[in-house]
Amino acid sequence: MNDMTVAQKDKLMADLRVVISDAEELLRLGAEQTGASATEWRAKVEERISRAKLKLEDLQDSAVAKAKAAGHAADDYVHEHPWKAIGAAAGIGLIVGLLIGRR
């Protein structure tokens, strides 16, 4: 899971939010059922939803922290090596320009 890209993590978080929302809706619909087994089932589902929400929040916090760290590292590098950063940006711009110009 450490090899996931930011886009993959964002998609995973969005998918998890949908799943949690659907599970909460199912729980509301199942609230009409009565009996010991229904009560036990609802308690299990509520606990799993709570755990999923906590994991989702942890994943989101971790992703934000890593993004901030990467931003700070890039900022530090640019301040320490401005000419290398300018050269890299110019090289990337040249390559993108050439690729666009071929169309």
PDB file of N, CA and C in Angstrom:
ATOM      1  N   MET A   1       0.821  -1.185   0.000  1.00  0.00           N
ATOM      2  CA  MET A   1       0.000   0.000   0.000  1.00  0.00           C
ATOM      3  C   MET A   1       0.867   1.251   0.000  1.00  0.00           C
ATOM      4  N   ASN A   2       2.138   1.131   0.370  1.00  0.00           N
ATOM      5  CA  ASN A   2       3.041   2.259   0.380  1.00  0.00           C
ATOM      6  C   ASN A   2       3.408   2.712  -1.021  1.00  0.00           C
ATOM      7  N   ASP A   3       3.242   1.847  -2.019  1.00  0.00           N
ATOM      8  CA  ASP A   3       3.599   2.174  -3.390  1.00  0.00           C
ATOM      9  C   ASP A   3       2.469   2.845  -4.152  1.00  0.00           C
ATOM     10  N   MET A   4       1.384   3.189  -3.482  1.00  0.00           N
ATOM     11  CA  MET A   4       0.240   3.798  -4.146  1.00  0.00           C
ATOM     12  C   MET A   4       0.549   5.249  -4.495  1.00  0.00           C
ATOM     13  N   THR A   5       0.062   5.690  -5.638  1.00  0.00           N
ATOM     14  CA  THR A   5       0.214   7.080  -6.019  1.00  0.00           C
ATOM     15  C   THR A   5      -0.845   7.909  -5.311  1.00  0.00           C
ATOM     16  N   VAL A   6      -0.681   9.198  -5.358  1.00  0.00           N
ATOM     17  CA  VAL A   6      -1.638  10.097  -4.720  1.00  0.00           C
ATOM     18  C   VAL A   6      -3.014   9.938  -5.367  1.00  0.00           C
ATOM     19  N   ALA A   7      -3.053   9.797  -6.680  1.00  0.00           N
ATOM     20  CA  ALA A   7      -4.334   9.631  -7.378  1.00  0.00           C
ATOM     21  C   ALA A   7      -5.023   8.336  -6.951  1.00  0.00           C
ATOM     22  N   GLN A   8      -4.236   7.278  -6.787  1.00  0.00           N
ATOM     23  CA  GLN A   8      -4.813   6.006  -6.352  1.00  0.00           C
ATOM     24  C   GLN A   8      -5.347   6.124  -4.926  1.00  0.00           C
ATOM     25  N   LYS A   9      -4.627   6.819  -4.063  1.00  0.00           N
ATOM     26  CA  LYS A   9      -5.092   7.011  -2.695  1.00  0.00           C
ATOM     27  C   LYS A   9      -6.365   7.851  -2.667  1.00  0.00           C
ATOM     28  N   ASP A  10      -6.408   8.894  -3.506  1.00  0.00           N
ATOM     29  CA  ASP A  10      -7.611   9.721  -3.565  1.00  0.00           C
ATOM     30  C   ASP A  10      -8.806   8.903  -4.026  1.00  0.00           C
ATOM     31  N   LYS A  11      -8.596   8.051  -5.033  1.00  0.00           N
ATOM     32  CA  LYS A  11      -9.686   7.210  -5.532  1.00  0.00           C
ATOM     33  C   LYS A  11     -10.115   6.223  -4.461  1.00  0.00           C
ATOM     34  N   LEU A  12      -9.142   5.637  -3.761  1.00  0.00           N
ATOM     35  CA  LEU A  12      -9.458   4.699  -2.685  1.00  0.00           C
ATOM     36  C   LEU A  12     -10.269   5.377  -1.595  1.00  0.00           C
ATOM     37  N   MET A  13      -9.872   6.584  -1.214  1.00  0.00           N
ATOM     38  CA  MET A  13     -10.607   7.299  -0.174  1.00  0.00           C
ATOM     39  C   MET A  13     -12.024   7.619  -0.635  1.00  0.00           C
ATOM     40  N   ALA A  14     -12.182   8.020  -1.893  1.00  0.00           N
ATOM     41  CA  ALA A  14     -13.515   8.305  -2.417  1.00  0.00           C
ATOM     42  C   ALA A  14     -14.368   7.037  -2.436  1.00  0.00           C
ATOM     43  N   ASP A  15     -13.775   5.934  -2.859  1.00  0.00           N
ATOM     44  CA  ASP A  15     -14.499   4.660  -2.878  1.00  0.00           C
ATOM     45  C   ASP A  15     -14.895   4.225  -1.476  1.00  0.00           C
ATOM     46  N   LEU A  16     -13.984   4.394  -0.519  1.00  0.00           N
ATOM     47  CA  LEU A  16     -14.300   4.033   0.861  1.00  0.00           C
ATOM     48  C   LEU A  16     -15.431   4.888   1.416  1.00  0.00           C
ATOM     49  N   ARG A  17     -15.439   6.162   1.070  1.00  0.00           N
ATOM     50  CA  ARG A  17     -16.529   7.035   1.524  1.00  0.00           C
ATOM     51  C   ARG A  17     -17.869   6.549   0.985  1.00  0.00           C
ATOM     52  N   VAL A  18     -17.885   6.131  -0.276  1.00  0.00           N
ATOM     53  CA  VAL A  18     -19.116   5.617  -0.872  1.00  0.00           C
ATOM     54  C   VAL A  18     -19.560   4.342  -0.168  1.00  0.00           C
ATOM     55  N   VAL A  19     -18.616   3.440   0.084  1.00  0.00           N
ATOM     56  CA  VAL A  19     -18.934   2.181   0.760  1.00  0.00           C
ATOM     57  C   VAL A  19     -19.477   2.457   2.159  1.00  0.00           C
ATOM     58  N   ILE A  20     -18.848   3.361   2.880  1.00  0.00           N
ATOM     59  CA  ILE A  20     -19.309   3.691   4.226  1.00  0.00           C
ATOM     60  C   ILE A  20     -20.700   4.299   4.177  1.00  0.00           C
ATOM     61  N   SER A  21     -20.921   5.182   3.236  1.00  0.00           N
ATOM     62  CA  SER A  21     -22.245   5.786   3.094  1.00  0.00           C
ATOM     63  C   SER A  21     -23.305   4.733   2.782  1.00  0.00           C
ATOM     64  N   ASP A  22     -22.985   3.810   1.876  1.00  0.00           N
ATOM     65  CA  ASP A  22     -23.919   2.734   1.542  1.00  0.00           C
ATOM     66  C   ASP A  22     -24.181   1.836   2.747  1.00  0.00           C
ATOM     67  N   ALA A  23     -23.137   1.534   3.511  1.00  0.00           N
ATOM     68  CA  ALA A  23     -23.297   0.677   4.689  1.00  0.00           C
ATOM     69  C   ALA A  23     -24.161   1.359   5.739  1.00  0.00           C
ATOM     70  N   GLU A  24     -23.984   2.670   5.904  1.00  0.00           N
ATOM     71  CA  GLU A  24     -24.819   3.399   6.860  1.00  0.00           C
ATOM     72  C   GLU A  24     -26.283   3.375   6.417  1.00  0.00           C
ATOM     73  N   GLU A  25     -26.507   3.502   5.122  1.00  0.00           N
ATOM     74  CA  GLU A  25     -27.882   3.443   4.595  1.00  0.00           C
ATOM     75  C   GLU A  25     -28.488   2.063   4.838  1.00  0.00           C
ATOM     76  N   LEU A  26     -27.715   1.005   4.582  1.00  0.00           N
ATOM     77  CA  LEU A  26     -28.189  -0.354   4.853  1.00  0.00           C
ATOM     78  C   LEU A  26     -28.505  -0.536   6.331  1.00  0.00           C
ATOM     79  N   LEU A  27     -27.687   0.046   7.171  1.00  0.00           N
ATOM     80  CA  LEU A  27     -27.921  -0.047   8.609  1.00  0.00           C
ATOM     81  C   LEU A  27     -29.231   0.640   8.988  1.00  0.00           C
ATOM     82  N   ARG A  28     -29.498   1.793   8.388  1.00  0.00           N
ATOM     83  CA  ARG A  28     -30.768   2.488   8.659  1.00  0.00           C
ATOM     84  C   ARG A  28     -31.947   1.655   8.180  1.00  0.00           C
ATOM     85  N   LEU A  29     -31.795   1.045   7.004  1.00  0.00           N
ATOM     86  CA  LEU A  29     -32.882   0.217   6.475  1.00  0.00           C
ATOM     87  C   LEU A  29     -33.090  -1.033   7.331  1.00  0.00           C
ATOM     88  N   GLY A  30     -31.986  -1.588   7.856  1.00  0.00           N
ATOM     89  CA  GLY A  30     -32.079  -2.777   8.684  1.00  0.00           C
ATOM     90  C   GLY A  30     -32.576  -2.488  10.090  1.00  0.00           C
ATOM     91  N   ALA A  31     -32.663  -1.204  10.445  1.00  0.00           N
ATOM     92  CA  ALA A  31     -33.114  -0.841  11.788  1.00  0.00           C
ATOM     93  C   ALA A  31     -34.564  -1.238  12.027  1.00  0.00           C
ATOM     94  N   GLU A  32     -35.314  -1.436  10.960  1.00  0.00           N
ATOM     95  CA  GLU A  32     -36.712  -1.821  11.087  1.00  0.00           C
ATOM     96  C   GLU A  32     -36.862  -3.265  11.540  1.00  0.00           C
ATOM     97  N   GLN A  33     -35.833  -4.070  11.324  1.00  0.00           N
ATOM     98  CA  GLN A  33     -35.893  -5.475  11.731  1.00  0.00           C
ATOM     99  C   GLN A  33     -35.691  -5.572  13.236  1.00  0.00           C
ATOM    100  N   THR A  34     -36.290  -6.568  13.835  1.00  0.00           N
ATOM    101  CA  THR A  34     -36.190  -6.730  15.281  1.00  0.00           C
ATOM    102  C   THR A  34     -35.624  -8.101  15.610  1.00  0.00           C
ATOM    103  N   GLY A  35     -35.324  -8.306  16.855  1.00  0.00           N
ATOM    104  CA  GLY A  35     -34.813  -9.594  17.296  1.00  0.00           C
ATOM    105  C   GLY A  35     -33.371  -9.498  17.725  1.00  0.00           C
ATOM    106  N   ALA A  36     -32.926 -10.519  18.424  1.00  0.00           N
ATOM    107  CA  ALA A  36     -31.559 -10.549  18.955  1.00  0.00           C
ATOM    108  C   ALA A  36     -30.532 -10.597  17.841  1.00  0.00           C
ATOM    109  N   SER A  37     -30.795 -11.390  16.807  1.00  0.00           N
ATOM    110  CA  SER A  37     -29.811 -11.494  15.723  1.00  0.00           C
ATOM    111  C   SER A  37     -29.696 -10.177  14.960  1.00  0.00           C
ATOM    112  N   ALA A  38     -30.804  -9.461  14.787  1.00  0.00           N
ATOM    113  CA  ALA A  38     -30.770  -8.172  14.098  1.00  0.00           C
ATOM    114  C   ALA A  38     -29.989  -7.150  14.922  1.00  0.00           C
ATOM    115  N   THR A  39     -30.171  -7.170  16.246  1.00  0.00           N
ATOM    116  CA  THR A  39     -29.452  -6.247  17.124  1.00  0.00           C
ATOM    117  C   THR A  39     -27.961  -6.536  17.088  1.00  0.00           C
ATOM    118  N   GLU A  40     -27.609  -7.808  17.126  1.00  0.00           N
ATOM    119  CA  GLU A  40     -26.197  -8.203  17.065  1.00  0.00           C
ATOM    120  C   GLU A  40     -25.593  -7.797  15.723  1.00  0.00           C
ATOM    121  N   TRP A  41     -26.331  -8.011  14.647  1.00  0.00           N
ATOM    122  CA  TRP A  41     -25.857  -7.660  13.303  1.00  0.00           C
ATOM    123  C   TRP A  41     -25.616  -6.159  13.204  1.00  0.00           C
ATOM    124  N   ARG A  42     -26.564  -5.359  13.700  1.00  0.00           N
ATOM    125  CA  ARG A  42     -26.413  -3.904  13.649  1.00  0.00           C
ATOM    126  C   ARG A  42     -25.193  -3.448  14.441  1.00  0.00           C
ATOM    127  N   ALA A  43     -24.957  -4.044  15.601  1.00  0.00           N
ATOM    128  CA  ALA A  43     -23.795  -3.670  16.414  1.00  0.00           C
ATOM    129  C   ALA A  43     -22.496  -3.971  15.676  1.00  0.00           C
ATOM    130  N   LYS A  44     -22.419  -5.114  15.027  1.00  0.00           N
ATOM    131  CA  LYS A  44     -21.214  -5.478  14.261  1.00  0.00           C
ATOM    132  C   LYS A  44     -20.993  -4.502  13.102  1.00  0.00           C
ATOM    133  N   VAL A  45     -22.076  -4.195  12.402  1.00  0.00           N
ATOM    134  CA  VAL A  45     -21.959  -3.276  11.262  1.00  0.00           C
ATOM    135  C   VAL A  45     -21.536  -1.895  11.738  1.00  0.00           C
ATOM    136  N   GLU A  46     -22.123  -1.423  12.829  1.00  0.00           N
ATOM    137  CA  GLU A  46     -21.747  -0.108  13.354  1.00  0.00           C
ATOM    138  C   GLU A  46     -20.269  -0.075  13.739  1.00  0.00           C
ATOM    139  N   GLU A  47     -19.777  -1.134  14.354  1.00  0.00           N
ATOM    140  CA  GLU A  47     -18.370  -1.186  14.736  1.00  0.00           C
ATOM    141  C   GLU A  47     -17.471  -1.190  13.503  1.00  0.00           C
ATOM    142  N   ARG A  48     -17.832  -1.949  12.504  1.00  0.00           N
ATOM    143  CA  ARG A  48     -17.019  -2.003  11.277  1.00  0.00           C
ATOM    144  C   ARG A  48     -17.022  -0.663  10.563  1.00  0.00           C
ATOM    145  N   ILE A  49     -18.162   0.008  10.557  1.00  0.00           N
ATOM    146  CA  ILE A  49     -18.232   1.335   9.931  1.00  0.00           C
ATOM    147  C   ILE A  49     -17.331   2.309  10.686  1.00  0.00           C
ATOM    148  N   SER A  50     -17.375   2.255  12.003  1.00  0.00           N
ATOM    149  CA  SER A  50     -16.527   3.139  12.812  1.00  0.00           C
ATOM    150  C   SER A  50     -15.055   2.881  12.541  1.00  0.00           C
ATOM    151  N   ARG A  51     -14.658   1.601  12.478  1.00  0.00           N
ATOM    152  CA  ARG A  51     -13.255   1.271  12.186  1.00  0.00           C
ATOM    153  C   ARG A  51     -12.862   1.752  10.790  1.00  0.00           C
ATOM    154  N   ALA A  52     -13.764   1.573   9.818  1.00  0.00           N
ATOM    155  CA  ALA A  52     -13.460   2.003   8.453  1.00  0.00           C
ATOM    156  C   ALA A  52     -13.290   3.522   8.392  1.00  0.00           C
ATOM    157  N   LYS A  53     -14.117   4.250   9.124  1.00  0.00           N
ATOM    158  CA  LYS A  53     -13.998   5.708   9.144  1.00  0.00           C
ATOM    159  C   LYS A  53     -12.666   6.132   9.756  1.00  0.00           C
ATOM    160  N   LEU A  54     -12.269   5.477  10.843  1.00  0.00           N
ATOM    161  CA  LEU A  54     -10.991   5.813  11.472  1.00  0.00           C
ATOM    162  C   LEU A  54      -9.821   5.517  10.544  1.00  0.00           C
ATOM    163  N   LYS A  55      -9.856   4.385   9.866  1.00  0.00           N
ATOM    164  CA  LYS A  55      -8.786   4.039   8.928  1.00  0.00           C
ATOM    165  C   LYS A  55      -8.732   5.034   7.772  1.00  0.00           C
ATOM    166  N   LEU A  56      -9.916   5.445   7.306  1.00  0.00           N
ATOM    167  CA  LEU A  56      -9.985   6.423   6.222  1.00  0.00           C
ATOM    168  C   LEU A  56      -9.386   7.749   6.663  1.00  0.00           C
ATOM    169  N   GLU A  57      -9.699   8.174   7.876  1.00  0.00           N
ATOM    170  CA  GLU A  57      -9.123   9.418   8.390  1.00  0.00           C
ATOM    171  C   GLU A  57      -7.613   9.304   8.534  1.00  0.00           C
ATOM    172  N   ASP A  58      -7.134   8.161   9.019  1.00  0.00           N
ATOM    173  CA  ASP A  58      -5.688   7.949   9.141  1.00  0.00           C
ATOM    174  C   ASP A  58      -5.003   8.002   7.782  1.00  0.00           C
ATOM    175  N   LEU A  59      -5.607   7.354   6.794  1.00  0.00           N
ATOM    176  CA  LEU A  59      -5.047   7.353   5.442  1.00  0.00           C
ATOM    177  C   LEU A  59      -5.006   8.761   4.878  1.00  0.00           C
ATOM    178  N   GLN A  60      -6.073   9.511   5.110  1.00  0.00           N
ATOM    179  CA  GLN A  60      -6.130  10.878   4.611  1.00  0.00           C
ATOM    180  C   GLN A  60      -5.073  11.740   5.306  1.00  0.00           C
ATOM    181  N   ASP A  61      -4.955  11.620   6.623  1.00  0.00           N
ATOM    182  CA  ASP A  61      -3.946  12.388   7.360  1.00  0.00           C
ATOM    183  C   ASP A  61      -2.540  12.039   6.890  1.00  0.00           C
ATOM    184  N   SER A  62      -2.300  10.752   6.660  1.00  0.00           N
ATOM    185  CA  SER A  62      -0.991  10.308   6.191  1.00  0.00           C
ATOM    186  C   SER A  62      -0.687  10.879   4.806  1.00  0.00           C
ATOM    187  N   ALA A  63      -1.675  10.855   3.928  1.00  0.00           N
ATOM    188  CA  ALA A  63      -1.473  11.372   2.572  1.00  0.00           C
ATOM    189  C   ALA A  63      -1.188  12.875   2.604  1.00  0.00           C
ATOM    190  N   VAL A  64      -1.902  13.604   3.448  1.00  0.00           N
ATOM    191  CA  VAL A  64      -1.684  15.050   3.554  1.00  0.00           C
ATOM    192  C   VAL A  64      -0.290  15.330   4.106  1.00  0.00           C
ATOM    193  N   ALA A  65       0.109  14.585   5.130  1.00  0.00           N
ATOM    194  CA  ALA A  65       1.435  14.785   5.721  1.00  0.00           C
ATOM    195  C   ALA A  65       2.540  14.502   4.706  1.00  0.00           C
ATOM    196  N   LYS A  66       2.382  13.418   3.934  1.00  0.00           N
ATOM    197  CA  LYS A  66       3.396  13.083   2.923  1.00  0.00           C
ATOM    198  C   LYS A  66       3.450  14.130   1.821  1.00  0.00           C
ATOM    199  N   ALA A  67       2.294  14.650   1.425  1.00  0.00           N
ATOM    200  CA  ALA A  67       2.256  15.682   0.383  1.00  0.00           C
ATOM    201  C   ALA A  67       2.937  16.960   0.875  1.00  0.00           C
ATOM    202  N   LYS A  68       2.678  17.314   2.131  1.00  0.00           N
ATOM    203  CA  LYS A  68       3.321  18.506   2.687  1.00  0.00           C
ATOM    204  C   LYS A  68       4.829  18.312   2.777  1.00  0.00           C
ATOM    205  N   ALA A  69       5.259  17.127   3.205  1.00  0.00           N
ATOM    206  CA  ALA A  69       6.694  16.846   3.310  1.00  0.00           C
ATOM    207  C   ALA A  69       7.362  16.914   1.938  1.00  0.00           C
ATOM    208  N   ALA A  70       6.704  16.366   0.940  1.00  0.00           N
ATOM    209  CA  ALA A  70       7.251  16.413  -0.420  1.00  0.00           C
ATOM    210  C   ALA A  70       7.337  17.853  -0.915  1.00  0.00           C
ATOM    211  N   GLY A  71       6.327  18.640  -0.615  1.00  0.00           N
ATOM    212  CA  GLY A  71       6.337  20.052  -1.010  1.00  0.00           C
ATOM    213  C   GLY A  71       7.464  20.812  -0.336  1.00  0.00           C
ATOM    214  N   HIS A  72       7.666  20.556   0.954  1.00  0.00           N
ATOM    215  CA  HIS A  72       8.757  21.218   1.670  1.00  0.00           C
ATOM    216  C   HIS A  72      10.115  20.776   1.129  1.00  0.00           C
ATOM    217  N   ALA A  73      10.253  19.499   0.827  1.00  0.00           N
ATOM    218  CA  ALA A  73      11.514  18.998   0.284  1.00  0.00           C
ATOM    219  C   ALA A  73      11.804  19.639  -1.071  1.00  0.00           C
ATOM    220  N   ALA A  74      10.791  19.747  -1.915  1.00  0.00           N
ATOM    221  CA  ALA A  74      10.975  20.381  -3.225  1.00  0.00           C
ATOM    222  C   ALA A  74      11.330  21.855  -3.061  1.00  0.00           C
ATOM    223  N   ASP A  75      10.663  22.518  -2.133  1.00  0.00           N
ATOM    224  CA  ASP A  75      10.944  23.933  -1.882  1.00  0.00           C
ATOM    225  C   ASP A  75      12.379  24.120  -1.388  1.00  0.00           C
ATOM    226  N   ASP A  76      12.803  23.273  -0.468  1.00  0.00           N
ATOM    227  CA  ASP A  76      14.179  23.347   0.040  1.00  0.00           C
ATOM    228  C   ASP A  76      15.187  23.111  -1.075  1.00  0.00           C
ATOM    229  N   TYR A  77      14.922  22.113  -1.927  1.00  0.00           N
ATOM    230  CA  TYR A  77      15.851  21.809  -3.022  1.00  0.00           C
ATOM    231  C   TYR A  77      15.976  22.995  -3.977  1.00  0.00           C
ATOM    232  N   VAL A  78      14.838  23.605  -4.297  1.00  0.00           N
ATOM    233  CA  VAL A  78      14.859  24.741  -5.230  1.00  0.00           C
ATOM    234  C   VAL A  78      15.631  25.906  -4.628  1.00  0.00           C
ATOM    235  N   HIS A  79      15.464  26.117  -3.321  1.00  0.00           N
ATOM    236  CA  HIS A  79      16.211  27.208  -2.693  1.00  0.00           C
ATOM    237  C   HIS A  79      17.706  26.915  -2.601  1.00  0.00           C
ATOM    238  N   GLU A  80      18.071  25.663  -2.425  1.00  0.00           N
ATOM    239  CA  GLU A  80      19.481  25.299  -2.320  1.00  0.00           C
ATOM    240  C   GLU A  80      20.159  25.190  -3.688  1.00  0.00           C
ATOM    241  N   HIS A  81      19.411  24.810  -4.714  1.00  0.00           N
ATOM    242  CA  HIS A  81      19.963  24.606  -6.060  1.00  0.00           C
ATOM    243  C   HIS A  81      19.073  25.300  -7.105  1.00  0.00           C
ATOM    244  N   PRO A  82      19.030  26.620  -7.098  1.00  0.00           N
ATOM    245  CA  PRO A  82      18.102  27.308  -8.019  1.00  0.00           C
ATOM    246  C   PRO A  82      18.418  27.069  -9.495  1.00  0.00           C
ATOM    247  N   TRP A  83      19.695  27.023  -9.859  1.00  0.00           N
ATOM    248  CA  TRP A  83      20.029  26.856 -11.276  1.00  0.00           C
ATOM    249  C   TRP A  83      19.712  25.452 -11.773  1.00  0.00           C
ATOM    250  N   LYS A  84      19.876  24.461 -10.922  1.00  0.00           N
ATOM    251  CA  LYS A  84      19.496  23.102 -11.307  1.00  0.00           C
ATOM    252  C   LYS A  84      17.987  23.020 -11.519  1.00  0.00           C
ATOM    253  N   ALA A  85      17.226  23.673 -10.649  1.00  0.00           N
ATOM    254  CA  ALA A  85      15.766  23.662 -10.772  1.00  0.00           C
ATOM    255  C   ALA A  85      15.330  24.376 -12.045  1.00  0.00           C
ATOM    256  N   ILE A  86      15.968  25.500 -12.339  1.00  0.00           N
ATOM    257  CA  ILE A  86      15.631  26.241 -13.559  1.00  0.00           C
ATOM    258  C   ILE A  86      15.974  25.402 -14.785  1.00  0.00           C
ATOM    259  N   GLY A  87      17.135  24.752 -14.762  1.00  0.00           N
ATOM    260  CA  GLY A  87      17.537  23.897 -15.889  1.00  0.00           C
ATOM    261  C   GLY A  87      16.584  22.732 -16.077  1.00  0.00           C
ATOM    262  N   ALA A  88      16.189  22.105 -14.982  1.00  0.00           N
ATOM    263  CA  ALA A  88      15.253  20.977 -15.083  1.00  0.00           C
ATOM    264  C   ALA A  88      13.904  21.440 -15.630  1.00  0.00           C
ATOM    265  N   ALA A  89      13.421  22.578 -15.139  1.00  0.00           N
ATOM    266  CA  ALA A  89      12.138  23.105 -15.620  1.00  0.00           C
ATOM    267  C   ALA A  89      12.229  23.461 -17.108  1.00  0.00           C
ATOM    268  N   ALA A  90      13.348  24.046 -17.517  1.00  0.00           N
ATOM    269  CA  ALA A  90      13.526  24.391 -18.930  1.00  0.00           C
ATOM    270  C   ALA A  90      13.582  23.133 -19.789  1.00  0.00           C
ATOM    271  N   GLY A  91      14.289  22.115 -19.313  1.00  0.00           N
ATOM    272  CA  GLY A  91      14.368  20.855 -20.059  1.00  0.00           C
ATOM    273  C   GLY A  91      13.008  20.193 -20.202  1.00  0.00           C
ATOM    274  N   ILE A  92      12.262  20.158 -19.135  1.00  0.00           N
ATOM    275  CA  ILE A  92      10.915  19.570 -19.198  1.00  0.00           C
ATOM    276  C   ILE A  92      10.024  20.388 -20.124  1.00  0.00           C
ATOM    277  N   GLY A  93      10.143  21.711 -20.030  1.00  0.00           N
ATOM    278  CA  GLY A  93       9.363  22.578 -20.918  1.00  0.00           C
ATOM    279  C   GLY A  93       9.706  22.355 -22.383  1.00  0.00           C
ATOM    280  N   LEU A  94      10.993  22.157 -22.665  1.00  0.00           N
ATOM    281  CA  LEU A  94      11.436  21.899 -24.037  1.00  0.00           C
ATOM    282  C   LEU A  94      10.864  20.589 -24.554  1.00  0.00           C
ATOM    283  N   ILE A  95      10.936  19.560 -23.725  1.00  0.00           N
ATOM    284  CA  ILE A  95      10.414  18.244 -24.135  1.00  0.00           C
ATOM    285  C   ILE A  95       8.898  18.306 -24.373  1.00  0.00           C
ATOM    286  N   VAL A  96       8.183  18.946 -23.464  1.00  0.00           N
ATOM    287  CA  VAL A  96       6.731  19.075 -23.640  1.00  0.00           C
ATOM    288  C   VAL A  96       6.427  19.895 -24.881  1.00  0.00           C
ATOM    289  N   GLY A  97       7.178  20.951 -25.116  1.00  0.00           N
ATOM    290  CA  GLY A  97       6.991  21.770 -26.309  1.00  0.00           C
ATOM    291  C   GLY A  97       7.211  20.987 -27.588  1.00  0.00           C
ATOM    292  N   LEU A  98       8.259  20.165 -27.596  1.00  0.00           N
ATOM    293  CA  LEU A  98       8.526  19.337 -28.773  1.00  0.00           C
ATOM    294  C   LEU A  98       7.417  18.317 -29.011  1.00  0.00           C
ATOM    295  N   LEU A  99       6.940  17.717 -27.929  1.00  0.00           N
ATOM    296  CA  LEU A  99       5.855  16.731 -28.068  1.00  0.00           C
ATOM    297  C   LEU A  99       4.568  17.385 -28.566  1.00  0.00           C
ATOM    298  N   ILE A 100       4.272  18.569 -28.071  1.00  0.00           N
ATOM    299  CA  ILE A 100       3.056  19.269 -28.526  1.00  0.00           C
ATOM    300  C   ILE A 100       3.225  19.721 -29.973  1.00  0.00           C
ATOM    301  N   GLY A 101       4.440  20.141 -30.322  1.00  0.00           N
ATOM    302  CA  GLY A 101       4.694  20.622 -31.672  1.00  0.00           C
ATOM    303  C   GLY A 101       4.584  19.539 -32.732  1.00  0.00           C
ATOM    304  N   ARG A 102       4.719  18.288 -32.358  1.00  0.00           N
ATOM    305  CA  ARG A 102       4.632  17.180 -33.317  1.00  0.00           C
ATOM    306  C   ARG A 102       3.210  16.903 -33.755  1.00  0.00           C
ATOM    307  N   ARG A 103       2.259  17.327 -32.995  1.00  0.00           N
ATOM    308  CA  ARG A 103       0.854  17.043 -33.336  1.00  0.00           C
ATOM    309  C   ARG A 103       0.404  17.860 -34.445  1.00  0.00           C
TER     310      ARG A 103
END
